[in-house]
Amino acid sequence: MLVERGMRVMNTEVVGEAYAIAANYLRRSGAIADDFATDDRLLGIVVQLFHWGEANRLKLANKAIAKFESEREVDLA
């Protein structure tokens, strides 16, 4: 499904699948709570990376995981 946002078109399917992959990994690793609530920070990272041009759902998920974990390490320090 495509959603128009101003002059850009966002493929919500790619964003949704990338979020699901990243969230599943992060839940299993214990980085985010094991519930069905959406993690707004992770979703924001996925959307940001998508807007920066990454459209492959696996690459998008992996980059989002790396960014989420690196920001988490900074927050813990």
C-alpha atoms as a PDB file:
ATOM      1  CA  MET A   1       0.000   0.000   0.000  1.00  0.00           C
ATOM      2  CA  LEU A   2       1.307   3.424  -0.927  1.00  0.00           C
ATOM      3  CA  VAL A   3       0.516   6.515   1.115  1.00  0.00           C
ATOM      4  CA  GLU A   4       1.190   9.978  -0.233  1.00  0.00           C
ATOM      5  CA  ARG A   5       2.915  12.303   2.238  1.00  0.00           C
ATOM      6  CA  GLY A   6       3.366  15.679   0.619  1.00  0.00           C
ATOM      7  CA  MET A   7       5.549  15.086  -2.400  1.00  0.00           C
ATOM      8  CA  ARG A   8       6.802  11.698  -1.178  1.00  0.00           C
ATOM      9  CA  VAL A   9       5.182   8.305  -1.398  1.00  0.00           C
ATOM     10  CA  MET A  10       5.779   5.861   1.445  1.00  0.00           C
ATOM     11  CA  ASN A  11       5.430   2.128   0.958  1.00  0.00           C
ATOM     12  CA  THR A  12       3.840   1.205   4.284  1.00  0.00           C
ATOM     13  CA  GLU A  13       4.290  -2.497   3.559  1.00  0.00           C
ATOM     14  CA  VAL A  14       8.106  -2.209   3.428  1.00  0.00           C
ATOM     15  CA  VAL A  15       8.177  -0.041   6.556  1.00  0.00           C
ATOM     16  CA  GLY A  16       5.815  -2.386   8.402  1.00  0.00           C
ATOM     17  CA  GLU A  17       7.746  -5.522   7.471  1.00  0.00           C
ATOM     18  CA  ALA A  18      11.092  -3.942   8.367  1.00  0.00           C
ATOM     19  CA  TYR A  19       9.683  -2.813  11.716  1.00  0.00           C
ATOM     20  CA  ALA A  20       8.310  -6.314  12.416  1.00  0.00           C
ATOM     21  CA  ILE A  21      11.680  -7.933  11.647  1.00  0.00           C
ATOM     22  CA  ALA A  22      13.621  -5.456  13.784  1.00  0.00           C
ATOM     23  CA  ALA A  23      11.130  -5.550  16.671  1.00  0.00           C
ATOM     24  CA  ASN A  24      11.113  -9.359  16.704  1.00  0.00           C
ATOM     25  CA  TYR A  25      14.909  -9.447  16.937  1.00  0.00           C
ATOM     26  CA  LEU A  26      15.057  -6.762  19.622  1.00  0.00           C
ATOM     27  CA  ARG A  27      12.326  -8.479  21.674  1.00  0.00           C
ATOM     28  CA  ARG A  28      14.185 -11.791  21.547  1.00  0.00           C
ATOM     29  CA  SER A  29      17.427 -10.095  22.572  1.00  0.00           C
ATOM     30  CA  GLY A  30      15.699  -8.321  25.464  1.00  0.00           C
ATOM     31  CA  ALA A  31      16.362  -4.820  24.155  1.00  0.00           C
ATOM     32  CA  ILE A  32      12.660  -3.923  24.083  1.00  0.00           C
ATOM     33  CA  ALA A  33       9.699  -5.161  26.103  1.00  0.00           C
ATOM     34  CA  ASP A  34       8.145  -8.464  25.056  1.00  0.00           C
ATOM     35  CA  ASP A  35       4.657  -7.125  24.390  1.00  0.00           C
ATOM     36  CA  PHE A  36       2.630  -6.107  21.375  1.00  0.00           C
ATOM     37  CA  ALA A  37       2.954  -2.348  21.891  1.00  0.00           C
ATOM     38  CA  THR A  38       4.754  -0.458  19.130  1.00  0.00           C
ATOM     39  CA  ASP A  39       8.121   0.931  20.145  1.00  0.00           C
ATOM     40  CA  ASP A  40       7.905   4.517  18.912  1.00  0.00           C
ATOM     41  CA  ARG A  41      11.668   5.039  18.907  1.00  0.00           C
ATOM     42  CA  LEU A  42      12.265   1.984  16.716  1.00  0.00           C
ATOM     43  CA  LEU A  43       9.445   2.945  14.368  1.00  0.00           C
ATOM     44  CA  GLY A  44      10.888   6.442  14.050  1.00  0.00           C
ATOM     45  CA  ILE A  45      14.280   5.003  13.140  1.00  0.00           C
ATOM     46  CA  VAL A  46      12.756   2.719  10.476  1.00  0.00           C
ATOM     47  CA  VAL A  47      10.764   5.581   8.930  1.00  0.00           C
ATOM     48  CA  GLN A  48      13.794   7.887   8.998  1.00  0.00           C
ATOM     49  CA  LEU A  49      15.993   5.323   7.257  1.00  0.00           C
ATOM     50  CA  PHE A  50      13.252   4.705   4.685  1.00  0.00           C
ATOM     51  CA  HIS A  51      13.067   8.420   3.939  1.00  0.00           C
ATOM     52  CA  TRP A  52      16.856   8.486   3.552  1.00  0.00           C
ATOM     53  CA  GLY A  53      16.462   6.047   0.673  1.00  0.00           C
ATOM     54  CA  GLU A  54      16.665   2.498   2.035  1.00  0.00           C
ATOM     55  CA  ALA A  55      13.795   0.498   0.528  1.00  0.00           C
ATOM     56  CA  ASN A  56      14.980  -3.103   1.015  1.00  0.00           C
ATOM     57  CA  ARG A  57      13.121  -4.426   4.064  1.00  0.00           C
ATOM     58  CA  LEU A  58      15.971  -6.630   5.336  1.00  0.00           C
ATOM     59  CA  LYS A  59      18.608  -3.920   4.987  1.00  0.00           C
ATOM     60  CA  LEU A  60      16.199  -1.450   6.538  1.00  0.00           C
ATOM     61  CA  ALA A  61      15.586  -3.755   9.513  1.00  0.00           C
ATOM     62  CA  ASN A  62      19.311  -4.440  10.017  1.00  0.00           C
ATOM     63  CA  LYS A  63      20.231  -0.764   9.858  1.00  0.00           C
ATOM     64  CA  ALA A  64      17.403   0.093  12.269  1.00  0.00           C
ATOM     65  CA  ILE A  65      18.589  -2.572  14.724  1.00  0.00           C
ATOM     66  CA  ALA A  66      22.161  -1.274  14.575  1.00  0.00           C
ATOM     67  CA  LYS A  67      21.059   2.339  15.070  1.00  0.00           C
ATOM     68  CA  PHE A  68      18.648   1.399  17.889  1.00  0.00           C
ATOM     69  CA  GLU A  69      21.328  -0.585  19.728  1.00  0.00           C
ATOM     70  CA  SER A  70      23.982   2.116  19.309  1.00  0.00           C
ATOM     71  CA  GLU A  71      21.606   4.801  20.631  1.00  0.00           C
ATOM     72  CA  ARG A  72      20.652   2.525  23.515  1.00  0.00           C
ATOM     73  CA  GLU A  73      24.314   2.136  24.490  1.00  0.00           C
ATOM     74  CA  VAL A  74      24.686   5.917  24.555  1.00  0.00           C
ATOM     75  CA  ASP A  75      21.542   6.237  26.716  1.00  0.00           C
ATOM     76  CA  LEU A  76      22.889   3.669  29.197  1.00  0.00           C
ATOM     77  CA  ALA A  77      26.271   5.404  29.535  1.00  0.00           C
END
